[in-house]
């Protein structure tokens, strides 16, 4: 017998997690600030030539012509929106997105550290936020689904990283008009003929010069003149002996050039003669 006084059951909704909203909101605000700094060139607590300044000026700060900070803002906003609205499978979707984003953030931090030799506190802060999001959303995901969700997030994140790396390398090659074989050959020739490239890790123009060579930058005859810290610290002995006054400075065939040199200039000044077919690879 039915009870006429019984009230119709109300639809239940998954509870919003304030910790996820707070972390995603913090990441969104951080990304917006980094975007503002990228557009204005004014980043608090980061002097010219500092780690964050070098990262902001590097080729890894822009993807498809859009600042990485803007992509980050979209990512955090999407996480916040997903955490706010009650959609089917919300907890599992949040874990997939956060874990995939963590792999991308790790890649960006590692590649700038390896290529530029610096770390950016703001970038590390964003990495910490997305790591916290990955952990928190992982705890909220369906326990039985968690291993498969982690595998799916890992595969998606690795595919995204591979695609990003391809675009970064493609854009670097397009900006120089030279392929990897030509760049490696030119860098090796400079080293073998006694050329020297004097610079400092905090010098944006030195990083610009290295970026022209992409992965072949490791073959350059580079001399670090500032091993003890930033601007104003004692020079390395080799740089003092060579009387280096500014960065970058090239010594090629007993001639000195105190500026960034194009690939064409470096090839001509050092006598590098490679087959024309190598330049585009």
Protein backbone atom coordinates (compact mmCIF):
# COMPACT_ATOMS: atom_id res chain seq x y z
CA UNK A 1 0.00 0.00 0.00
CA UNK A 2 1.47 3.32 -1.07
CA UNK A 3 1.90 6.20 1.33
CA UNK A 4 0.19 9.27 -0.05
CA UNK A 5 2.18 11.48 2.33
CA UNK A 6 5.57 10.32 1.04
CA UNK A 7 7.59 12.98 -0.82
CA UNK A 8 9.05 12.27 -4.24
CA UNK A 9 12.72 11.44 -4.12
CA UNK A 10 15.02 14.28 -5.15
CA UNK A 11 17.75 13.70 -7.64
CA UNK A 12 21.12 13.43 -5.96
CA UNK A 13 24.15 15.29 -7.26
CA UNK A 14 27.80 14.57 -6.70
CA UNK A 15 29.28 16.95 -4.17
CA UNK A 16 31.70 19.58 -5.45
CA UNK A 17 35.18 19.22 -4.01
CA UNK A 18 36.38 22.61 -2.71
CA UNK A 19 40.02 21.50 -2.69
CA UNK A 20 39.95 20.77 -6.45
CA UNK A 21 38.21 24.07 -7.12
CA UNK A 22 40.79 25.92 -5.02
CA UNK A 23 43.77 24.28 -6.71
CA UNK A 24 42.36 24.78 -10.21
CA UNK A 25 41.45 28.37 -9.37
CA UNK A 26 44.96 29.04 -8.07
CA UNK A 27 46.48 27.55 -11.22
CA UNK A 28 44.19 29.66 -13.39
CA UNK A 29 45.23 32.88 -11.62
CA UNK A 30 48.91 31.93 -11.85
CA UNK A 31 48.60 31.19 -15.57
CA UNK A 32 46.81 34.51 -16.15
CA UNK A 33 49.60 36.36 -14.36
CA UNK A 34 52.28 34.58 -16.43
CA UNK A 35 50.35 35.45 -19.58
CA UNK A 36 50.25 39.10 -18.51
CA UNK A 37 53.98 38.99 -17.80
CA UNK A 38 54.66 37.37 -21.18
CA UNK A 39 52.79 40.17 -22.97
CA UNK A 40 54.28 43.02 -20.91
CA UNK A 41 57.72 41.64 -20.11
CA UNK A 42 57.28 42.47 -16.42
CA UNK A 43 57.55 39.46 -14.11
CA UNK A 44 57.78 40.16 -10.38
CA UNK A 45 60.82 38.74 -8.63
CA UNK A 46 62.49 37.78 -11.90
CA UNK A 47 65.28 40.11 -13.09
CA UNK A 48 66.32 40.29 -16.75
CA UNK A 49 68.37 37.22 -17.52
CA UNK A 50 66.85 35.29 -14.59
CA UNK A 51 65.45 31.81 -14.94
CA UNK A 52 61.84 32.82 -15.49
CA UNK A 53 62.86 35.59 -17.91
CA UNK A 54 64.84 33.12 -20.02
CA UNK A 55 61.95 30.65 -20.03
CA UNK A 56 59.47 33.39 -21.00
CA UNK A 57 61.68 34.40 -23.93
CA UNK A 58 62.47 30.88 -25.08
CA UNK A 59 60.88 29.00 -27.96
CA UNK A 60 59.19 26.72 -25.43
CA UNK A 61 57.00 29.57 -24.19
CA UNK A 62 54.82 29.62 -27.33
CA UNK A 63 52.84 26.82 -28.98
CA UNK A 64 51.03 27.37 -32.29
CA UNK A 65 51.66 31.09 -31.85
CA UNK A 66 49.84 31.15 -28.50
CA UNK A 67 51.74 31.63 -25.21
CA UNK A 68 52.00 28.46 -23.12
CA UNK A 69 50.58 30.49 -20.23
CA UNK A 70 47.34 30.96 -22.20
CA UNK A 71 47.12 27.21 -22.79
CA UNK A 72 47.68 26.73 -19.07
CA UNK A 73 44.87 29.14 -18.21
CA UNK A 74 42.50 27.20 -20.48
CA UNK A 75 43.58 23.91 -18.88
CA UNK A 76 42.97 25.12 -15.31
CA UNK A 77 39.68 26.78 -16.29
CA UNK A 78 38.51 23.51 -17.86
CA UNK A 79 39.39 21.61 -14.69
CA UNK A 80 37.55 24.15 -12.55
CA UNK A 81 34.49 23.98 -14.82
CA UNK A 82 34.49 20.19 -14.75
CA UNK A 83 34.81 20.23 -10.97
CA UNK A 84 31.90 22.69 -10.66
CA UNK A 85 29.32 21.15 -12.96
CA UNK A 86 27.69 17.81 -12.21
CA UNK A 87 28.47 15.67 -15.25
CA UNK A 88 28.45 11.90 -15.58
CA UNK A 89 31.80 10.38 -14.59
CA UNK A 90 33.10 13.73 -13.34
CA UNK A 91 35.57 12.27 -10.84
CA UNK A 92 37.14 9.94 -13.41
CA UNK A 93 37.34 12.67 -16.07
CA UNK A 94 39.02 15.02 -13.61
CA UNK A 95 41.69 12.42 -12.85
CA UNK A 96 42.40 11.77 -16.53
CA UNK A 97 42.73 15.49 -17.28
CA UNK A 98 44.86 16.30 -14.23
CA UNK A 99 47.22 13.33 -14.67
CA UNK A 100 47.66 14.07 -18.37
CA UNK A 101 48.33 17.73 -17.56
CA UNK A 102 50.93 16.67 -15.02
CA UNK A 103 52.95 14.85 -17.70
CA UNK A 104 52.86 17.93 -19.92
CA UNK A 105 53.97 20.17 -17.05
CA UNK A 106 56.84 17.81 -16.22
CA UNK A 107 57.94 17.85 -19.86
CA UNK A 108 57.96 21.66 -20.06
CA UNK A 109 59.96 22.00 -16.85
CA UNK A 110 62.47 19.32 -17.85
CA UNK A 111 63.00 20.57 -21.40
CA UNK A 112 63.64 24.16 -20.32
CA UNK A 113 65.99 22.98 -17.57
CA UNK A 114 67.94 20.77 -19.97
CA UNK A 115 68.07 23.25 -22.84
CA UNK A 116 68.40 26.53 -20.91
CA UNK A 117 70.07 25.26 -17.75
CA UNK A 118 67.66 27.21 -15.52
CA UNK A 119 64.55 26.65 -13.46
CA UNK A 120 61.59 29.00 -13.19
CA UNK A 121 59.95 29.22 -9.73
CA UNK A 122 56.62 30.14 -11.31
CA UNK A 123 56.80 27.09 -13.60
CA UNK A 124 57.72 24.87 -10.66
CA UNK A 125 54.78 26.36 -8.75
CA UNK A 126 52.42 25.45 -11.58
CA UNK A 127 53.92 21.95 -11.64
CA UNK A 128 53.25 21.61 -7.91
CA UNK A 129 49.64 22.71 -8.36
CA UNK A 130 48.90 20.27 -11.17
CA UNK A 131 50.68 17.48 -9.23
CA UNK A 132 48.43 18.19 -6.25
CA UNK A 133 45.43 18.12 -8.57
CA UNK A 134 46.51 14.77 -10.01
CA UNK A 135 46.83 13.29 -6.52
CA UNK A 136 43.55 14.74 -5.26
CA UNK A 137 41.53 13.74 -8.32
CA UNK A 138 43.16 10.31 -8.26
CA UNK A 139 41.89 9.76 -4.73
CA UNK A 140 38.40 10.75 -5.86
CA UNK A 141 38.32 8.55 -8.96
CA UNK A 142 36.41 5.27 -8.98
CA UNK A 143 38.78 2.81 -7.22
CA UNK A 144 38.05 -0.06 -9.61
CA UNK A 145 38.72 2.19 -12.63
CA UNK A 146 41.82 3.95 -11.26
CA UNK A 147 44.54 1.75 -12.92
CA UNK A 148 42.89 2.01 -16.32
CA UNK A 149 42.26 5.72 -15.91
CA UNK A 150 45.93 6.21 -15.02
CA UNK A 151 46.99 4.26 -18.10
CA UNK A 152 44.65 6.29 -20.31
CA UNK A 153 45.92 9.56 -18.83
CA UNK A 154 49.52 8.43 -19.31
CA UNK A 155 49.02 7.51 -22.94
CA UNK A 156 47.16 10.74 -23.65
CA UNK A 157 49.79 12.81 -21.87
CA UNK A 158 52.65 11.12 -23.71
CA UNK A 159 50.94 11.65 -27.08
CA UNK A 160 50.43 15.33 -26.22
CA UNK A 161 54.09 15.67 -25.18
CA UNK A 162 55.28 13.99 -28.39
CA UNK A 163 53.10 16.31 -30.48
CA UNK A 164 54.31 19.40 -28.60
CA UNK A 165 57.95 18.38 -28.98
CA UNK A 166 57.44 17.86 -32.70
CA UNK A 167 55.91 21.32 -33.08
CA UNK A 168 58.70 22.98 -31.07
CA UNK A 169 61.38 21.31 -33.20
CA UNK A 170 59.52 22.05 -36.43
CA UNK A 171 59.18 25.71 -35.53
CA UNK A 172 62.87 25.90 -34.60
CA UNK A 173 63.85 24.43 -37.96
CA UNK A 174 61.47 26.74 -39.80
CA UNK A 175 62.94 29.80 -38.07
CA UNK A 176 66.48 28.95 -39.19
CA UNK A 177 65.72 27.32 -42.54
CA UNK A 178 68.21 24.57 -41.74
CA UNK A 179 67.75 20.91 -40.99
CA UNK A 180 69.29 18.88 -38.15
CA UNK A 181 72.09 17.43 -40.30
CA UNK A 182 73.23 20.86 -41.40
CA UNK A 183 73.04 22.27 -37.86
CA UNK A 184 75.01 19.37 -36.41
CA UNK A 185 77.61 19.69 -39.17
CA UNK A 186 78.02 23.44 -38.65
CA UNK A 187 78.28 23.10 -34.87
CA UNK A 188 80.85 20.32 -35.22
CA UNK A 189 82.85 22.34 -37.76
CA UNK A 190 82.97 25.34 -35.42
CA UNK A 191 84.34 23.14 -32.64
CA UNK A 192 86.89 21.39 -34.87
CA UNK A 193 88.25 24.64 -36.31
CA UNK A 194 88.91 26.20 -32.92
CA UNK A 195 86.02 28.69 -32.80
CA UNK A 196 84.77 29.74 -29.38
CA UNK A 197 81.34 30.92 -28.30
CA UNK A 198 81.56 32.83 -25.00
CA UNK A 199 78.34 33.39 -23.11
CA UNK A 200 76.47 33.30 -19.82
CA UNK A 201 73.54 31.12 -18.81
CA UNK A 202 71.51 34.21 -17.82
CA UNK A 203 72.09 36.00 -21.16
CA UNK A 204 68.91 35.98 -23.32
CA UNK A 205 70.89 36.58 -26.52
CA UNK A 206 73.13 33.62 -25.74
CA UNK A 207 70.04 31.44 -25.40
CA UNK A 208 68.78 32.86 -28.68
CA UNK A 209 72.07 31.88 -30.34
CA UNK A 210 71.86 28.34 -28.93
CA UNK A 211 68.22 28.01 -29.96
CA UNK A 212 69.24 28.44 -33.61
CA UNK A 213 70.97 25.07 -33.39
CA UNK A 214 68.18 23.14 -31.65
CA UNK A 215 69.42 19.76 -30.35
CA UNK A 216 72.80 20.42 -32.03
CA UNK A 217 73.51 23.23 -29.53
CA UNK A 218 75.33 20.67 -27.36
CA UNK A 219 77.98 20.42 -30.10
CA UNK A 220 78.79 24.13 -30.04
CA UNK A 221 82.21 25.22 -28.68
CA UNK A 222 80.47 27.05 -25.85
CA UNK A 223 82.38 28.56 -22.92
CA UNK A 224 80.34 29.46 -19.83
CA UNK A 225 81.67 32.76 -18.50
CA UNK A 226 79.42 33.04 -15.46
CA UNK A 227 79.73 29.76 -13.53
CA UNK A 228 79.49 31.40 -10.11
CA UNK A 229 76.10 33.13 -10.38
CA UNK A 230 74.29 35.90 -12.19
CA UNK A 231 75.40 39.29 -13.55
CA UNK A 232 78.21 40.93 -11.62
CA UNK A 233 79.82 37.71 -10.38
CA UNK A 234 83.46 36.84 -11.27
CA UNK A 235 84.09 35.58 -14.78
CA UNK A 236 85.51 32.18 -15.55
CA UNK A 237 89.30 32.16 -16.04
CA UNK A 238 89.04 31.35 -19.76
CA UNK A 239 86.81 34.39 -20.31
CA UNK A 240 89.09 36.68 -18.30
CA UNK A 241 92.08 35.49 -20.31
CA UNK A 242 90.19 36.07 -23.57
CA UNK A 243 89.14 39.55 -22.32
CA UNK A 244 85.45 38.93 -22.96
CA UNK A 245 83.45 42.11 -22.29
CA UNK A 246 79.95 41.20 -23.51
CA UNK A 247 77.79 38.19 -24.30
CA UNK A 248 77.59 36.50 -26.64
CA UNK A 249 81.09 36.89 -28.07
CA UNK A 250 82.44 34.71 -30.86
CA UNK A 251 86.10 34.09 -31.65
CA UNK A 252 86.43 32.67 -35.15
CA UNK A 253 89.74 32.52 -37.02
CA UNK A 254 91.33 35.06 -34.68
CA UNK A 255 88.48 37.52 -35.26
CA UNK A 256 86.05 38.68 -32.55
CA UNK A 257 82.31 39.23 -33.00
CA UNK A 258 80.36 40.56 -30.03
CA UNK A 259 76.83 39.75 -31.13
CA UNK A 260 74.43 37.01 -32.19
CA UNK A 261 75.53 35.61 -35.54
CA UNK A 262 73.19 34.07 -38.08
CA UNK A 263 73.81 30.56 -39.36
CA UNK A 264 74.83 32.01 -42.71
CA UNK A 265 77.36 34.30 -41.03
CA UNK A 266 78.78 31.49 -38.90
CA UNK A 267 79.17 29.25 -41.94
CA UNK A 268 80.87 31.97 -43.99
CA UNK A 269 83.18 33.20 -41.24
CA UNK A 270 84.30 29.69 -40.30
CA UNK A 271 84.57 28.38 -43.87
CA UNK A 272 81.87 25.75 -43.51
CA UNK A 273 80.85 24.35 -46.87
CA UNK A 274 78.03 21.83 -46.75
CA UNK A 275 75.99 20.40 -49.62
CA UNK A 276 72.96 22.59 -50.32
CA UNK A 277 70.69 19.60 -49.88
CA UNK A 278 71.66 19.39 -46.21
CA UNK A 279 70.32 22.81 -45.29
CA UNK A 280 66.69 21.75 -45.45
CA UNK A 281 67.26 18.03 -44.79
